[in-house]
Amino acid sequence: MTEAVAHVTGMLRPARIDERAFVLRYVQPGLVGLIDGTLSTLAPIFAAALLAGSHSALFVGLATALGAGISMGFSEALSDDGTQTGRGSAVARGLVTGAMTALGGIFHSLPFLIPDVNTALLVAAIVVALELTAISLIRSRFLHVSLRVSLLQVALGGAMIVAVGVVLGSA
């Protein structure tokens, strides 16, 4: 019986280490990117939509998402080579962070392909809600944060940033 327990325990331990490494090397950098891309692009997109319409909001959103993706990718890759923290390859983390940052901003830019700005804003708000829900689910699954707390945290951040965009876009 003791050998069986030792065998099972030995099998479980590598899985825990692998999941921890996966979280440190891919989930956490991806989550940082997704959160930044989703949240940091909201104010410029919503301000551009209110000031200049859908066409401008689309291009401001795409430029912001791609620029933020490049910036966050470099920031992640240059901030930790992985040897001090055990977080793995700086290049891999930078690529993951950059790609997820860009995707986070691009998804809610695409509704501005719709020429009617009010419809585009409504669709963009729905996309943002879905993005924030996905972020909360990922945080709950991998970081063991309560789903309710995570939803509240990311919704509060999103609301604050949208408010900045609305205030500046209405000025």
N, C-alpha and C. Protein backbone atom coordinates (compact mmCIF):
# COMPACT_ATOMS: atom_id res chain seq x y z
N MET A 1 0.82 -1.19 0.00
CA MET A 1 0.00 0.00 0.00
C MET A 1 0.86 1.26 0.00
N THR A 2 1.94 1.25 0.78
CA THR A 2 2.81 2.42 0.85
C THR A 2 3.46 2.69 -0.50
N GLU A 3 3.87 1.64 -1.21
CA GLU A 3 4.47 1.83 -2.53
C GLU A 3 3.46 2.44 -3.50
N ALA A 4 2.22 2.01 -3.42
CA ALA A 4 1.18 2.56 -4.30
C ALA A 4 0.97 4.04 -4.02
N VAL A 5 0.94 4.42 -2.74
CA VAL A 5 0.76 5.83 -2.37
C VAL A 5 1.96 6.64 -2.85
N ALA A 6 3.16 6.09 -2.66
CA ALA A 6 4.37 6.80 -3.12
C ALA A 6 4.35 6.95 -4.63
N HIS A 7 3.90 5.94 -5.35
CA HIS A 7 3.83 6.01 -6.79
C HIS A 7 2.83 7.09 -7.24
N VAL A 8 1.65 7.08 -6.63
CA VAL A 8 0.63 8.07 -6.97
C VAL A 8 1.12 9.47 -6.60
N THR A 9 1.71 9.62 -5.43
CA THR A 9 2.22 10.92 -5.00
C THR A 9 3.30 11.41 -5.96
N GLY A 10 4.18 10.53 -6.38
CA GLY A 10 5.22 10.88 -7.33
C GLY A 10 4.65 11.31 -8.67
N MET A 11 3.54 10.69 -9.06
CA MET A 11 2.90 11.08 -10.32
C MET A 11 2.23 12.44 -10.21
N LEU A 12 1.69 12.75 -9.04
CA LEU A 12 0.98 14.02 -8.86
C LEU A 12 1.94 15.20 -8.72
N ARG A 13 3.05 15.00 -8.09
CA ARG A 13 3.98 16.11 -7.85
C ARG A 13 4.45 16.75 -9.15
N PRO A 14 4.89 15.99 -10.16
CA PRO A 14 5.29 16.66 -11.41
C PRO A 14 4.16 17.45 -12.05
N ALA A 15 2.93 16.96 -11.95
CA ALA A 15 1.81 17.69 -12.53
C ALA A 15 1.65 19.04 -11.85
N ARG A 16 1.82 19.09 -10.53
CA ARG A 16 1.72 20.36 -9.82
C ARG A 16 2.82 21.31 -10.26
N ILE A 17 4.02 20.79 -10.38
CA ILE A 17 5.14 21.62 -10.81
C ILE A 17 4.91 22.10 -12.24
N ASP A 18 4.43 21.21 -13.09
CA ASP A 18 4.16 21.60 -14.48
C ASP A 18 3.08 22.68 -14.55
N GLU A 19 2.03 22.54 -13.74
CA GLU A 19 0.98 23.57 -13.77
C GLU A 19 1.51 24.90 -13.24
N ARG A 20 2.31 24.84 -12.19
CA ARG A 20 2.89 26.08 -11.65
C ARG A 20 3.77 26.74 -12.71
N ALA A 21 4.61 25.97 -13.38
CA ALA A 21 5.47 26.51 -14.44
C ALA A 21 4.62 27.06 -15.58
N PHE A 22 3.57 26.36 -15.93
CA PHE A 22 2.66 26.81 -16.99
C PHE A 22 2.04 28.14 -16.61
N VAL A 23 1.59 28.27 -15.37
CA VAL A 23 0.99 29.52 -14.90
C VAL A 23 2.02 30.64 -14.93
N LEU A 24 3.22 30.38 -14.42
CA LEU A 24 4.25 31.43 -14.38
C LEU A 24 4.73 31.84 -15.76
N ARG A 25 4.83 30.88 -16.66
CA ARG A 25 5.44 31.15 -17.97
C ARG A 25 4.45 31.60 -19.03
N TYR A 26 3.19 31.18 -18.91
CA TYR A 26 2.24 31.46 -19.98
C TYR A 26 0.96 32.13 -19.48
N VAL A 27 0.34 31.58 -18.44
CA VAL A 27 -0.95 32.13 -17.99
C VAL A 27 -0.77 33.54 -17.45
N GLN A 28 0.17 33.73 -16.54
CA GLN A 28 0.33 35.04 -15.92
C GLN A 28 0.74 36.10 -16.94
N PRO A 29 1.74 35.85 -17.80
CA PRO A 29 2.06 36.86 -18.82
C PRO A 29 0.89 37.10 -19.79
N GLY A 30 0.19 36.03 -20.15
CA GLY A 30 -0.96 36.19 -21.03
C GLY A 30 -2.08 36.98 -20.38
N LEU A 31 -2.29 36.70 -19.10
CA LEU A 31 -3.33 37.41 -18.36
C LEU A 31 -2.98 38.89 -18.20
N VAL A 32 -1.73 39.18 -17.90
CA VAL A 32 -1.29 40.58 -17.82
C VAL A 32 -1.57 41.28 -19.14
N GLY A 33 -1.22 40.61 -20.24
CA GLY A 33 -1.45 41.20 -21.56
C GLY A 33 -2.92 41.38 -21.85
N LEU A 34 -3.72 40.36 -21.57
CA LEU A 34 -5.15 40.44 -21.85
C LEU A 34 -5.81 41.54 -21.03
N ILE A 35 -5.45 41.63 -19.77
CA ILE A 35 -6.01 42.68 -18.92
C ILE A 35 -5.58 44.06 -19.44
N ASP A 36 -4.28 44.21 -19.72
CA ASP A 36 -3.81 45.51 -20.20
C ASP A 36 -4.42 45.86 -21.54
N GLY A 37 -4.43 44.91 -22.46
CA GLY A 37 -4.98 45.19 -23.79
C GLY A 37 -6.46 45.52 -23.74
N THR A 38 -7.18 44.81 -22.90
CA THR A 38 -8.62 45.06 -22.79
C THR A 38 -8.87 46.41 -22.12
N LEU A 39 -8.20 46.67 -21.02
CA LEU A 39 -8.50 47.88 -20.26
C LEU A 39 -7.83 49.14 -20.82
N SER A 40 -6.56 49.06 -21.19
CA SER A 40 -5.86 50.28 -21.58
C SER A 40 -6.36 50.88 -22.88
N THR A 41 -7.01 50.08 -23.70
CA THR A 41 -7.49 50.60 -24.99
C THR A 41 -8.92 51.17 -24.90
N LEU A 42 -9.59 50.94 -23.80
CA LEU A 42 -10.98 51.39 -23.69
C LEU A 42 -11.13 52.91 -23.79
N ALA A 43 -10.35 53.65 -23.01
CA ALA A 43 -10.51 55.11 -23.00
C ALA A 43 -10.26 55.72 -24.37
N PRO A 44 -9.15 55.39 -25.06
CA PRO A 44 -8.95 56.00 -26.38
C PRO A 44 -10.02 55.61 -27.39
N ILE A 45 -10.46 54.36 -27.36
CA ILE A 45 -11.47 53.92 -28.33
C ILE A 45 -12.80 54.64 -28.09
N PHE A 46 -13.24 54.67 -26.84
CA PHE A 46 -14.53 55.28 -26.55
C PHE A 46 -14.48 56.79 -26.76
N ALA A 47 -13.36 57.43 -26.41
CA ALA A 47 -13.22 58.87 -26.65
C ALA A 47 -13.25 59.16 -28.15
N ALA A 48 -12.52 58.36 -28.94
CA ALA A 48 -12.49 58.57 -30.39
C ALA A 48 -13.87 58.35 -31.00
N ALA A 49 -14.59 57.35 -30.51
CA ALA A 49 -15.93 57.08 -31.04
C ALA A 49 -16.86 58.26 -30.79
N LEU A 50 -16.80 58.81 -29.58
CA LEU A 50 -17.68 59.93 -29.25
C LEU A 50 -17.27 61.22 -29.95
N LEU A 51 -15.98 61.41 -30.14
CA LEU A 51 -15.49 62.63 -30.79
C LEU A 51 -15.59 62.60 -32.31
N ALA A 52 -15.29 61.43 -32.90
CA ALA A 52 -15.12 61.41 -34.36
C ALA A 52 -15.85 60.28 -35.08
N GLY A 53 -16.52 59.40 -34.36
CA GLY A 53 -17.29 58.36 -35.01
C GLY A 53 -16.59 57.01 -35.10
N SER A 54 -17.29 56.08 -35.73
CA SER A 54 -16.84 54.69 -35.79
C SER A 54 -15.53 54.50 -36.54
N HIS A 55 -15.40 55.14 -37.69
CA HIS A 55 -14.20 54.95 -38.49
C HIS A 55 -12.94 55.33 -37.70
N SER A 56 -12.98 56.48 -37.06
CA SER A 56 -11.83 56.91 -36.26
C SER A 56 -11.60 55.98 -35.07
N ALA A 57 -12.67 55.57 -34.41
CA ALA A 57 -12.54 54.68 -33.26
C ALA A 57 -11.89 53.36 -33.67
N LEU A 58 -12.25 52.85 -34.84
CA LEU A 58 -11.66 51.61 -35.33
C LEU A 58 -10.14 51.75 -35.45
N PHE A 59 -9.69 52.81 -36.10
CA PHE A 59 -8.26 52.97 -36.31
C PHE A 59 -7.51 53.35 -35.04
N VAL A 60 -8.14 54.14 -34.18
CA VAL A 60 -7.52 54.44 -32.89
C VAL A 60 -7.41 53.14 -32.08
N GLY A 61 -8.45 52.33 -32.12
CA GLY A 61 -8.42 51.06 -31.39
C GLY A 61 -7.36 50.12 -31.91
N LEU A 62 -7.27 49.98 -33.22
CA LEU A 62 -6.25 49.09 -33.80
C LEU A 62 -4.84 49.59 -33.50
N ALA A 63 -4.63 50.89 -33.67
CA ALA A 63 -3.30 51.46 -33.40
C ALA A 63 -2.94 51.31 -31.92
N THR A 64 -3.90 51.56 -31.05
CA THR A 64 -3.65 51.44 -29.62
C THR A 64 -3.37 50.00 -29.24
N ALA A 65 -4.16 49.08 -29.77
CA ALA A 65 -3.98 47.65 -29.45
C ALA A 65 -2.62 47.14 -29.93
N LEU A 66 -2.27 47.46 -31.16
CA LEU A 66 -1.01 46.97 -31.70
C LEU A 66 0.18 47.65 -31.02
N GLY A 67 0.09 48.95 -30.79
CA GLY A 67 1.16 49.66 -30.09
C GLY A 67 1.33 49.15 -28.67
N ALA A 68 0.21 48.94 -27.98
CA ALA A 68 0.28 48.41 -26.61
C ALA A 68 0.84 47.00 -26.61
N GLY A 69 0.49 46.20 -27.62
CA GLY A 69 1.01 44.84 -27.71
C GLY A 69 2.52 44.83 -27.84
N ILE A 70 3.04 45.70 -28.69
CA ILE A 70 4.49 45.78 -28.86
C ILE A 70 5.15 46.26 -27.57
N SER A 71 4.58 47.30 -26.98
CA SER A 71 5.13 47.86 -25.75
C SER A 71 5.12 46.84 -24.61
N MET A 72 4.00 46.18 -24.42
CA MET A 72 3.90 45.20 -23.33
C MET A 72 4.80 43.99 -23.59
N GLY A 73 4.93 43.58 -24.84
CA GLY A 73 5.83 42.47 -25.16
C GLY A 73 7.27 42.79 -24.78
N PHE A 74 7.72 43.98 -25.17
CA PHE A 74 9.06 44.40 -24.80
C PHE A 74 9.20 44.56 -23.29
N SER A 75 8.20 45.15 -22.66
CA SER A 75 8.25 45.36 -21.21
C SER A 75 8.42 44.04 -20.47
N GLU A 76 7.63 43.06 -20.85
CA GLU A 76 7.71 41.76 -20.19
C GLU A 76 9.04 41.08 -20.46
N ALA A 77 9.46 41.10 -21.71
CA ALA A 77 10.71 40.41 -22.07
C ALA A 77 11.94 41.07 -21.44
N LEU A 78 11.92 42.37 -21.31
CA LEU A 78 13.09 43.08 -20.79
C LEU A 78 13.10 43.24 -19.28
N SER A 79 11.99 42.92 -18.61
CA SER A 79 11.90 43.15 -17.18
C SER A 79 12.42 41.98 -16.35
N ASP A 80 12.54 40.79 -16.94
CA ASP A 80 12.95 39.61 -16.17
C ASP A 80 13.45 38.56 -17.15
N ASP A 81 14.71 38.19 -17.05
CA ASP A 81 15.22 37.17 -17.98
C ASP A 81 14.80 35.76 -17.59
N GLY A 82 14.10 35.63 -16.49
CA GLY A 82 13.57 34.34 -16.06
C GLY A 82 14.47 33.59 -15.10
N THR A 83 15.75 33.94 -15.03
CA THR A 83 16.64 33.20 -14.15
C THR A 83 16.41 33.55 -12.68
N GLN A 84 16.07 34.80 -12.39
CA GLN A 84 15.84 35.19 -11.00
C GLN A 84 14.52 34.64 -10.47
N THR A 85 13.52 34.61 -11.31
CA THR A 85 12.17 34.25 -10.85
C THR A 85 11.72 32.86 -11.25
N GLY A 86 12.44 32.24 -12.17
CA GLY A 86 12.02 30.91 -12.65
C GLY A 86 10.81 30.98 -13.57
N ARG A 87 10.58 32.14 -14.16
CA ARG A 87 9.40 32.32 -15.00
C ARG A 87 9.63 31.93 -16.45
N GLY A 88 10.77 31.35 -16.75
CA GLY A 88 11.01 30.86 -18.10
C GLY A 88 11.56 31.91 -19.04
N SER A 89 11.57 31.56 -20.29
CA SER A 89 12.16 32.38 -21.35
C SER A 89 11.54 33.77 -21.43
N ALA A 90 12.40 34.77 -21.42
CA ALA A 90 11.93 36.16 -21.55
C ALA A 90 11.27 36.37 -22.90
N VAL A 91 11.82 35.77 -23.95
CA VAL A 91 11.26 35.93 -25.29
C VAL A 91 9.86 35.32 -25.35
N ALA A 92 9.70 34.12 -24.82
CA ALA A 92 8.38 33.47 -24.84
C ALA A 92 7.36 34.28 -24.06
N ARG A 93 7.74 34.74 -22.86
CA ARG A 93 6.81 35.54 -22.06
C ARG A 93 6.48 36.85 -22.76
N GLY A 94 7.48 37.47 -23.40
CA GLY A 94 7.24 38.71 -24.13
C GLY A 94 6.28 38.51 -25.29
N LEU A 95 6.47 37.42 -26.02
CA LEU A 95 5.58 37.13 -27.15
C LEU A 95 4.15 36.86 -26.67
N VAL A 96 4.01 36.10 -25.60
CA VAL A 96 2.68 35.80 -25.06
C VAL A 96 2.02 37.09 -24.58
N THR A 97 2.74 37.87 -23.80
CA THR A 97 2.18 39.13 -23.27
C THR A 97 1.80 40.07 -24.40
N GLY A 98 2.69 40.24 -25.36
CA GLY A 98 2.42 41.15 -26.47
C GLY A 98 1.22 40.71 -27.30
N ALA A 99 1.17 39.43 -27.61
CA ALA A 99 0.05 38.92 -28.42
C ALA A 99 -1.27 39.07 -27.69
N MET A 100 -1.30 38.74 -26.41
CA MET A 100 -2.55 38.84 -25.66
C MET A 100 -2.96 40.30 -25.45
N THR A 101 -1.99 41.19 -25.31
CA THR A 101 -2.31 42.62 -25.19
C THR A 101 -2.98 43.10 -26.47
N ALA A 102 -2.38 42.76 -27.60
CA ALA A 102 -2.95 43.18 -28.88
C ALA A 102 -4.35 42.59 -29.08
N LEU A 103 -4.50 41.31 -28.79
CA LEU A 103 -5.82 40.68 -28.96
C LEU A 103 -6.87 41.33 -28.05
N GLY A 104 -6.47 41.64 -26.81
CA GLY A 104 -7.41 42.26 -25.88
C GLY A 104 -7.95 43.59 -26.39
N GLY A 105 -7.13 44.34 -27.08
CA GLY A 105 -7.58 45.62 -27.63
C GLY A 105 -8.27 45.49 -28.98
N ILE A 106 -7.85 44.53 -29.77
CA ILE A 106 -8.42 44.38 -31.11
C ILE A 106 -9.88 43.93 -31.05
N PHE A 107 -10.19 43.01 -30.16
CA PHE A 107 -11.55 42.45 -30.13
C PHE A 107 -12.62 43.53 -29.98
N HIS A 108 -12.42 44.49 -29.09
CA HIS A 108 -13.47 45.51 -28.93
C HIS A 108 -13.24 46.72 -29.83
N SER A 109 -12.24 46.67 -30.69
CA SER A 109 -12.10 47.67 -31.76
C SER A 109 -12.94 47.28 -32.96
N LEU A 110 -13.06 45.99 -33.21
CA LEU A 110 -13.75 45.50 -34.41
C LEU A 110 -15.21 45.91 -34.53
N PRO A 111 -15.96 46.08 -33.42
CA PRO A 111 -17.33 46.56 -33.59
C PRO A 111 -17.44 47.91 -34.30
N PHE A 112 -16.34 48.66 -34.34
CA PHE A 112 -16.38 49.96 -34.99
C PHE A 112 -16.25 49.86 -36.50
N LEU A 113 -16.29 48.64 -37.02
CA LEU A 113 -16.52 48.43 -38.45
C LEU A 113 -17.96 48.78 -38.79
N ILE A 114 -18.82 48.79 -37.76
CA ILE A 114 -20.22 49.18 -37.92
C ILE A 114 -20.26 50.70 -38.04
N PRO A 115 -20.80 51.24 -39.12
CA PRO A 115 -20.76 52.70 -39.34
C PRO A 115 -21.55 53.50 -38.30
N ASP A 116 -22.67 52.98 -37.83
CA ASP A 116 -23.47 53.71 -36.84
C ASP A 116 -22.77 53.63 -35.48
N VAL A 117 -22.30 54.77 -34.99
CA VAL A 117 -21.48 54.79 -33.78
C VAL A 117 -22.24 54.28 -32.56
N ASN A 118 -23.53 54.57 -32.46
CA ASN A 118 -24.29 54.10 -31.30
C ASN A 118 -24.40 52.58 -31.27
N THR A 119 -24.65 51.99 -32.43
CA THR A 119 -24.70 50.53 -32.52
C THR A 119 -23.32 49.94 -32.22
N ALA A 120 -22.29 50.56 -32.79
CA ALA A 120 -20.92 50.09 -32.57
C ALA A 120 -20.55 50.15 -31.09
N LEU A 121 -20.93 51.24 -30.42
CA LEU A 121 -20.65 51.37 -28.99
C LEU A 121 -21.35 50.28 -28.19
N LEU A 122 -22.59 49.98 -28.53
CA LEU A 122 -23.34 48.92 -27.84
C LEU A 122 -22.67 47.57 -28.04
N VAL A 123 -22.31 47.25 -29.28
CA VAL A 123 -21.65 45.97 -29.56
C VAL A 123 -20.29 45.92 -28.87
N ALA A 124 -19.55 47.02 -28.90
CA ALA A 124 -18.25 47.07 -28.22
C ALA A 124 -18.40 46.84 -26.72
N ALA A 125 -19.44 47.43 -26.13
CA ALA A 125 -19.68 47.23 -24.69
C ALA A 125 -19.96 45.76 -24.39
N ILE A 126 -20.69 45.09 -25.26
CA ILE A 126 -20.97 43.65 -25.07
C ILE A 126 -19.68 42.85 -25.20
N VAL A 127 -18.85 43.19 -26.18
CA VAL A 127 -17.56 42.50 -26.36
C VAL A 127 -16.68 42.71 -25.13
N VAL A 128 -16.64 43.93 -24.61
CA VAL A 128 -15.84 44.21 -23.41
C VAL A 128 -16.36 43.38 -22.24
N ALA A 129 -17.66 43.29 -22.08
CA ALA A 129 -18.22 42.48 -21.00
C ALA A 129 -17.79 41.01 -21.14
N LEU A 130 -17.79 40.51 -22.35
CA LEU A 130 -17.34 39.13 -22.58
C LEU A 130 -15.85 38.98 -22.28
N GLU A 131 -15.06 39.97 -22.68
CA GLU A 131 -13.62 39.93 -22.40
C GLU A 131 -13.36 39.95 -20.89
N LEU A 132 -14.06 40.81 -20.18
CA LEU A 132 -13.86 40.90 -18.74
C LEU A 132 -14.31 39.63 -18.04
N THR A 133 -15.35 39.00 -18.55
CA THR A 133 -15.79 37.72 -18.01
C THR A 133 -14.74 36.64 -18.25
N ALA A 134 -14.16 36.61 -19.44
CA ALA A 134 -13.10 35.64 -19.75
C ALA A 134 -11.90 35.85 -18.83
N ILE A 135 -11.52 37.11 -18.63
CA ILE A 135 -10.41 37.41 -17.71
C ILE A 135 -10.72 36.88 -16.31
N SER A 136 -11.93 37.12 -15.85
CA SER A 136 -12.34 36.67 -14.52
C SER A 136 -12.32 35.15 -14.41
N LEU A 137 -12.76 34.47 -15.45
CA LEU A 137 -12.75 33.01 -15.45
C LEU A 137 -11.33 32.46 -15.43
N ILE A 138 -10.44 33.08 -16.19
CA ILE A 138 -9.03 32.64 -16.20
C ILE A 138 -8.41 32.88 -14.83
N ARG A 139 -8.68 34.04 -14.24
CA ARG A 139 -8.15 34.33 -12.90
C ARG A 139 -8.68 33.34 -11.89
N SER A 140 -9.95 33.01 -12.00
CA SER A 140 -10.55 32.06 -11.07
C SER A 140 -9.93 30.67 -11.23
N ARG A 141 -9.75 30.23 -12.45
CA ARG A 141 -9.22 28.89 -12.72
C ARG A 141 -7.76 28.74 -12.32
N PHE A 142 -6.92 29.69 -12.74
CA PHE A 142 -5.48 29.51 -12.55
C PHE A 142 -4.91 30.23 -11.33
N LEU A 143 -5.52 31.31 -10.91
CA LEU A 143 -5.00 32.07 -9.77
C LEU A 143 -5.83 31.85 -8.51
N HIS A 144 -6.87 31.05 -8.63
CA HIS A 144 -7.73 30.68 -7.51
C HIS A 144 -8.34 31.89 -6.81
N VAL A 145 -8.72 32.88 -7.62
CA VAL A 145 -9.42 34.06 -7.14
C VAL A 145 -10.92 33.76 -7.26
N SER A 146 -11.67 34.14 -6.27
CA SER A 146 -13.12 33.95 -6.32
C SER A 146 -13.68 34.60 -7.59
N LEU A 147 -14.54 33.89 -8.30
CA LEU A 147 -15.11 34.43 -9.53
C LEU A 147 -15.86 35.73 -9.25
N ARG A 148 -16.59 35.78 -8.18
CA ARG A 148 -17.35 36.98 -7.83
C ARG A 148 -16.41 38.17 -7.59
N VAL A 149 -15.35 37.94 -6.82
CA VAL A 149 -14.38 39.00 -6.54
C VAL A 149 -13.68 39.44 -7.83
N SER A 150 -13.29 38.47 -8.65
CA SER A 150 -12.61 38.79 -9.89
C SER A 150 -13.50 39.60 -10.83
N LEU A 151 -14.76 39.19 -10.97
CA LEU A 151 -15.70 39.95 -11.81
C LEU A 151 -15.84 41.38 -11.31
N LEU A 152 -15.94 41.53 -10.00
CA LEU A 152 -16.06 42.87 -9.41
C LEU A 152 -14.81 43.70 -9.69
N GLN A 153 -13.64 43.11 -9.52
CA GLN A 153 -12.39 43.84 -9.72
C GLN A 153 -12.22 44.29 -11.17
N VAL A 154 -12.40 43.37 -12.11
CA VAL A 154 -12.18 43.75 -13.51
C VAL A 154 -13.29 44.66 -14.02
N ALA A 155 -14.51 44.48 -13.53
CA ALA A 155 -15.60 45.38 -13.94
C ALA A 155 -15.35 46.79 -13.42
N LEU A 156 -14.86 46.90 -12.20
CA LEU A 156 -14.55 48.22 -11.63
C LEU A 156 -13.46 48.90 -12.45
N GLY A 157 -12.40 48.17 -12.76
CA GLY A 157 -11.33 48.73 -13.59
C GLY A 157 -11.85 49.16 -14.94
N GLY A 158 -12.64 48.31 -15.58
CA GLY A 158 -13.21 48.64 -16.89
C GLY A 158 -14.11 49.86 -16.83
N ALA A 159 -14.95 49.93 -15.81
CA ALA A 159 -15.87 51.07 -15.68
C ALA A 159 -15.12 52.38 -15.48
N MET A 160 -14.06 52.33 -14.67
CA MET A 160 -13.27 53.54 -14.44
C MET A 160 -12.63 54.04 -15.74
N ILE A 161 -12.12 53.12 -16.54
CA ILE A 161 -11.43 53.50 -17.77
C ILE A 161 -12.42 53.97 -18.83
N VAL A 162 -13.57 53.29 -18.93
CA VAL A 162 -14.61 53.75 -19.87
C VAL A 162 -15.07 55.15 -19.48
N ALA A 163 -15.20 55.39 -18.18
CA ALA A 163 -15.61 56.73 -17.72
C ALA A 163 -14.62 57.80 -18.18
N VAL A 164 -13.33 57.49 -18.12
CA VAL A 164 -12.32 58.44 -18.60
C VAL A 164 -12.54 58.72 -20.09
N GLY A 165 -12.76 57.67 -20.86
CA GLY A 165 -13.00 57.83 -22.31
C GLY A 165 -14.25 58.63 -22.60
N VAL A 166 -15.31 58.38 -21.85
CA VAL A 166 -16.58 59.09 -22.07
C VAL A 166 -16.42 60.57 -21.69
N VAL A 167 -15.77 60.84 -20.57
CA VAL A 167 -15.57 62.22 -20.15
C VAL A 167 -14.72 62.97 -21.18
N LEU A 168 -13.62 62.36 -21.60
CA LEU A 168 -12.77 63.04 -22.59
C LEU A 168 -13.43 63.13 -23.95
N GLY A 169 -14.21 62.11 -24.32
CA GLY A 169 -14.89 62.13 -25.60
C GLY A 169 -16.07 63.07 -25.66
N SER A 170 -16.57 63.43 -24.52
CA SER A 170 -17.71 64.35 -24.46
C SER A 170 -17.28 65.79 -24.25
N ALA A 171 -16.01 66.00 -24.07
CA ALA A 171 -15.53 67.36 -23.80
C ALA A 171 -15.52 68.23 -25.04
